Amino acid sequence: LYIYAVLVVHTYYENLRSREVELFFALQSPNAPTDLAQSPPVML
């Protein structure tokens, strides 16, 4: 049960981080939707 909780928290933070990266790139470049659709998510 402890491992399950750690896995859930880990996936939640990964999704949150990838969403912040997508928001950051969307604010940086005007043609972000096509860039996000063609490129894989960046892992920081």
N, C-alpha and C. Protein backbone atom coordinates (compact mmCIF):
# COMPACT_ATOMS: atom_id res chain seq x y z
N LEU A 1 0.84 -1.20 0.00
CA LEU A 1 0.00 0.00 0.00
C LEU A 1 0.88 1.25 0.00
N TYR A 2 2.03 1.18 0.65
CA TYR A 2 2.94 2.33 0.65
C TYR A 2 3.50 2.57 -0.75
N ILE A 3 3.86 1.47 -1.44
CA ILE A 3 4.41 1.61 -2.79
C ILE A 3 3.35 2.19 -3.73
N TYR A 4 2.09 1.79 -3.55
CA TYR A 4 1.01 2.30 -4.39
C TYR A 4 0.85 3.82 -4.19
N ALA A 5 0.94 4.27 -2.94
CA ALA A 5 0.79 5.71 -2.67
C ALA A 5 1.95 6.49 -3.29
N VAL A 6 3.16 5.96 -3.19
CA VAL A 6 4.31 6.64 -3.78
C VAL A 6 4.16 6.72 -5.30
N LEU A 7 3.66 5.65 -5.91
CA LEU A 7 3.49 5.64 -7.36
C LEU A 7 2.44 6.65 -7.79
N VAL A 8 1.34 6.75 -7.03
CA VAL A 8 0.30 7.72 -7.37
C VAL A 8 0.82 9.15 -7.26
N VAL A 9 1.56 9.43 -6.19
CA VAL A 9 2.10 10.78 -6.00
C VAL A 9 3.12 11.10 -7.09
N HIS A 10 3.92 10.10 -7.46
CA HIS A 10 4.94 10.32 -8.50
C HIS A 10 4.29 10.64 -9.84
N THR A 11 3.27 9.87 -10.23
CA THR A 11 2.61 10.13 -11.50
C THR A 11 1.90 11.48 -11.47
N TYR A 12 1.34 11.85 -10.31
CA TYR A 12 0.66 13.15 -10.20
C TYR A 12 1.64 14.30 -10.41
N TYR A 13 2.83 14.21 -9.78
CA TYR A 13 3.82 15.28 -9.93
C TYR A 13 4.40 15.30 -11.34
N GLU A 14 4.54 14.14 -11.98
CA GLU A 14 5.03 14.11 -13.36
C GLU A 14 4.03 14.79 -14.29
N ASN A 15 2.75 14.52 -14.11
CA ASN A 15 1.73 15.17 -14.94
C ASN A 15 1.71 16.67 -14.70
N LEU A 16 1.85 17.08 -13.45
CA LEU A 16 1.84 18.50 -13.13
C LEU A 16 3.05 19.20 -13.76
N ARG A 17 4.22 18.57 -13.69
CA ARG A 17 5.43 19.17 -14.25
C ARG A 17 5.34 19.27 -15.77
N SER A 18 4.84 18.21 -16.43
CA SER A 18 4.73 18.24 -17.88
C SER A 18 3.71 19.30 -18.31
N ARG A 19 2.65 19.47 -17.53
CA ARG A 19 1.66 20.49 -17.86
C ARG A 19 2.26 21.89 -17.72
N GLU A 20 3.12 22.10 -16.70
CA GLU A 20 3.77 23.40 -16.54
C GLU A 20 4.73 23.66 -17.70
N VAL A 21 5.44 22.62 -18.14
CA VAL A 21 6.36 22.78 -19.27
C VAL A 21 5.60 23.11 -20.53
N GLU A 22 4.45 22.45 -20.74
CA GLU A 22 3.63 22.75 -21.92
C GLU A 22 3.10 24.18 -21.86
N LEU A 23 2.69 24.64 -20.68
CA LEU A 23 2.23 26.01 -20.53
C LEU A 23 3.35 27.00 -20.80
N PHE A 24 4.57 26.67 -20.33
CA PHE A 24 5.71 27.54 -20.53
C PHE A 24 6.03 27.70 -22.01
N PHE A 25 6.03 26.58 -22.74
CA PHE A 25 6.32 26.65 -24.17
C PHE A 25 5.17 27.31 -24.93
N ALA A 26 3.94 27.14 -24.45
CA ALA A 26 2.81 27.78 -25.11
C ALA A 26 2.90 29.30 -24.96
N LEU A 27 3.42 29.77 -23.82
CA LEU A 27 3.58 31.21 -23.62
C LEU A 27 4.77 31.74 -24.41
N GLN A 28 5.77 30.89 -24.65
CA GLN A 28 6.99 31.36 -25.33
C GLN A 28 6.77 31.54 -26.83
N SER A 29 6.25 30.52 -27.51
CA SER A 29 6.15 30.55 -28.97
C SER A 29 4.70 30.65 -29.42
N PRO A 30 4.43 31.38 -30.50
CA PRO A 30 3.05 31.53 -30.98
C PRO A 30 2.52 30.25 -31.63
N ASN A 31 3.39 29.46 -32.28
CA ASN A 31 2.93 28.22 -32.93
C ASN A 31 3.22 27.03 -32.02
N ALA A 32 2.74 27.14 -30.78
CA ALA A 32 3.01 26.09 -29.80
C ALA A 32 2.17 24.83 -30.00
N PRO A 33 0.88 24.92 -30.40
CA PRO A 33 0.10 23.68 -30.54
C PRO A 33 0.73 22.67 -31.50
N THR A 34 1.25 23.13 -32.64
CA THR A 34 1.86 22.20 -33.57
C THR A 34 3.17 21.66 -33.01
N ASP A 35 3.92 22.50 -32.32
CA ASP A 35 5.18 22.05 -31.71
C ASP A 35 4.91 21.01 -30.63
N LEU A 36 3.88 21.24 -29.82
CA LEU A 36 3.57 20.29 -28.75
C LEU A 36 3.02 18.99 -29.33
N ALA A 37 2.33 19.07 -30.46
CA ALA A 37 1.76 17.86 -31.04
C ALA A 37 2.85 17.01 -31.71
N GLN A 38 3.88 17.66 -32.27
CA GLN A 38 4.90 16.91 -33.00
C GLN A 38 6.06 16.48 -32.09
N SER A 39 6.33 17.23 -31.04
CA SER A 39 7.48 16.90 -30.20
C SER A 39 7.02 16.16 -28.94
N PRO A 40 7.82 15.23 -28.44
CA PRO A 40 7.48 14.55 -27.18
C PRO A 40 7.60 15.50 -26.00
N PRO A 41 6.93 15.22 -24.89
CA PRO A 41 7.00 16.09 -23.72
C PRO A 41 8.42 16.15 -23.15
N VAL A 42 8.84 17.32 -22.76
CA VAL A 42 10.20 17.50 -22.25
C VAL A 42 10.25 17.13 -20.78
N MET A 43 11.26 16.35 -20.41
CA MET A 43 11.41 15.96 -19.01
C MET A 43 12.52 16.79 -18.38
N LEU A 44 12.17 17.58 -17.37
CA LEU A 44 13.18 18.42 -16.71
C LEU A 44 13.67 17.76 -15.44
